[in-house]
C-alpha atoms as a PDB file:
ATOM      1  CA  MET A   1     194.644 136.791  68.903  1.00  0.00           C
ATOM      2  CA  GLU A   2     196.601 140.000  69.189  1.00  0.00           C
ATOM      3  CA  LEU A   3     199.581 140.376  71.463  1.00  0.00           C
ATOM      4  CA  GLN A   4     199.272 142.649  74.478  1.00  0.00           C
ATOM      5  CA  PRO A   5     201.808 145.494  74.582  1.00  0.00           C
ATOM      6  CA  TYR A   6     203.929 143.757  77.209  1.00  0.00           C
ATOM      7  CA  GLN A   7     203.940 140.582  75.163  1.00  0.00           C
ATOM      8  CA  GLN A   8     204.910 142.448  72.038  1.00  0.00           C
ATOM      9  CA  ARG A   9     207.862 143.940  73.922  1.00  0.00           C
ATOM     10  CA  VAL A  10     209.009 140.461  74.901  1.00  0.00           C
ATOM     11  CA  LEU A  11     208.725 139.387  71.300  1.00  0.00           C
ATOM     12  CA  ASP A  12     210.625 142.427  70.097  1.00  0.00           C
ATOM     13  CA  GLU A  13     213.301 141.859  72.690  1.00  0.00           C
ATOM     14  CA  LEU A  14     213.601 138.261  71.549  1.00  0.00           C
ATOM     15  CA  ASN A  15     213.984 139.208  67.949  1.00  0.00           C
ATOM     16  CA  ASP A  16     216.599 141.852  68.752  1.00  0.00           C
ATOM     17  CA  LEU A  17     218.491 139.510  70.984  1.00  0.00           C
ATOM     18  CA  ASP A  18     218.491 136.766  68.363  1.00  0.00           C
ATOM     19  CA  ILE A  19     220.018 139.203  65.845  1.00  0.00           C
ATOM     20  CA  LYS A  20     222.766 140.058  68.266  1.00  0.00           C
ATOM     21  CA  ILE A  21     223.413 136.352  68.971  1.00  0.00           C
ATOM     22  CA  ASN A  22     223.686 135.645  65.229  1.00  0.00           C
ATOM     23  CA  LYS A  23     226.193 138.488  64.816  1.00  0.00           C
ATOM     24  CA  LEU A  24     228.222 137.255  67.740  1.00  0.00           C
ATOM     25  CA  MET A  25     228.115 133.661  66.533  1.00  0.00           C
ATOM     26  CA  THR A  26     229.345 134.787  63.116  1.00  0.00           C
ATOM     27  CA  PHE A  27     232.234 136.641  64.709  1.00  0.00           C
ATOM     28  CA  VAL A  28     233.171 133.747  66.938  1.00  0.00           C
ATOM     29  CA  GLU A  29     233.241 131.447  63.918  1.00  0.00           C
ATOM     30  CA  SER A  30     235.297 133.917  61.874  1.00  0.00           C
ATOM     31  CA  PRO A  31     239.123 134.129  61.523  1.00  0.00           C
ATOM     32  CA  ALA A  32     238.964 137.521  63.130  1.00  0.00           C
ATOM     33  CA  PHE A  33     238.035 135.908  66.412  1.00  0.00           C
ATOM     34  CA  GLU A  34     241.451 134.233  66.626  1.00  0.00           C
ATOM     35  CA  MET A  35     243.034 137.675  66.693  1.00  0.00           C
ATOM     36  CA  VAL A  36     241.219 138.487  69.959  1.00  0.00           C
ATOM     37  CA  GLU A  37     243.043 137.949  73.249  1.00  0.00           C
ATOM     38  CA  GLN A  38     242.381 134.477  74.749  1.00  0.00           C
ATOM     39  CA  GLU A  39     240.632 135.889  77.865  1.00  0.00           C
ATOM     40  CA  HIS A  40     238.342 137.959  75.669  1.00  0.00           C
ATOM     41  CA  GLN A  41     237.566 134.875  73.563  1.00  0.00           C
ATOM     42  CA  VAL A  42     236.501 132.982  76.694  1.00  0.00           C
ATOM     43  CA  LEU A  43     234.336 135.896  77.883  1.00  0.00           C
ATOM     44  CA  LEU A  44     232.660 136.340  74.540  1.00  0.00           C
ATOM     45  CA  LYS A  45     231.756 132.698  74.480  1.00  0.00           C
ATOM     46  CA  VAL A  46     230.372 132.957  78.033  1.00  0.00           C
ATOM     47  CA  GLN A  47     228.398 136.034  76.998  1.00  0.00           C
ATOM     48  CA  MET A  48     227.038 134.218  73.986  1.00  0.00           C
ATOM     49  CA  ASN A  49     225.830 131.332  76.224  1.00  0.00           C
ATOM     50  CA  TYR A  50     224.088 133.753  78.590  1.00  0.00           C
ATOM     51  CA  MET A  51     222.481 135.484  75.664  1.00  0.00           C
ATOM     52  CA  MET A  52     221.233 132.156  74.366  1.00  0.00           C
ATOM     53  CA  SER A  53     219.806 131.250  77.795  1.00  0.00           C
ATOM     54  CA  TYR A  54     218.088 134.665  77.904  1.00  0.00           C
ATOM     55  CA  SER A  55     216.660 134.048  74.455  1.00  0.00           C
ATOM     56  CA  ASP A  56     215.267 130.634  75.651  1.00  0.00           C
ATOM     57  CA  VAL A  57     213.630 132.331  78.649  1.00  0.00           C
ATOM     58  CA  LEU A  58     211.945 134.939  76.421  1.00  0.00           C
ATOM     59  CA  ALA A  59     210.843 132.215  74.005  1.00  0.00           C
ATOM     60  CA  ARG A  60     209.362 130.129  76.886  1.00  0.00           C
ATOM     61  CA  ARG A  61     207.444 133.148  78.188  1.00  0.00           C
ATOM     62  CA  LEU A  62     205.899 133.610  74.751  1.00  0.00           C
ATOM     63  CA  ASP A  63     205.105 129.880  74.715  1.00  0.00           C
ATOM     64  CA  LEU A  64     203.206 130.250  77.966  1.00  0.00           C
ATOM     65  CA  TRP A  65     201.137 132.912  76.377  1.00  0.00           C
ATOM     66  CA  GLY A  66     200.375 130.622  73.442  1.00  0.00           C
ATOM     67  CA  TYR A  67     202.253 132.837  71.001  1.00  0.00           C
ATOM     68  CA  TRP A  68     203.718 129.926  68.923  1.00  0.00           C
ATOM     69  CA  GLU A  69     200.223 128.485  68.427  1.00  0.00           C
ATOM     70  CA  MET A  70     199.156 131.835  66.935  1.00  0.00           C
ATOM     71  CA  THR A  71     201.919 131.802  64.381  1.00  0.00           C
ATOM     72  CA  SER A  72     202.725 129.479  61.514  1.00  0.00           C
ATOM     73  CA  ASP A  73     205.606 128.074  63.551  1.00  0.00           C
ATOM     74  CA  SER A  74     204.485 125.436  65.994  1.00  0.00           C
ATOM     75  CA  GLU A  75     207.616 125.833  68.058  1.00  0.00           C
ATOM     76  CA  TYR A  76     210.348 128.469  68.441  1.00  0.00           C
ATOM     77  CA  ASP A  77     213.407 127.476  66.452  1.00  0.00           C
ATOM     78  CA  GLY A  78     215.512 130.469  67.282  1.00  0.00           C
ATOM     79  CA  ILE A  79     218.979 130.707  68.679  1.00  0.00           C
ATOM     80  CA  GLY A  80     218.538 130.184  72.351  1.00  0.00           C
ATOM     81  CA  VAL A  81     216.314 127.115  72.239  1.00  0.00           C
END
């Protein structure tokens, strides 16, 4: 089964978003994060949580289309889930 163009866009968006989440998580866990002002630290963590929730929504949409059944992964194991 081939993805429809709109489904492919959702998958591409999910992949791009997960890359960004990984980069942000790496930064948050690094010593450089401690150099950032406290208020920005809080906001970056809030941002990361929203990004993870958004990732989960995109993954669930793909699940509703049966995407995970078409791939070798039986379930999405990305960042947001």
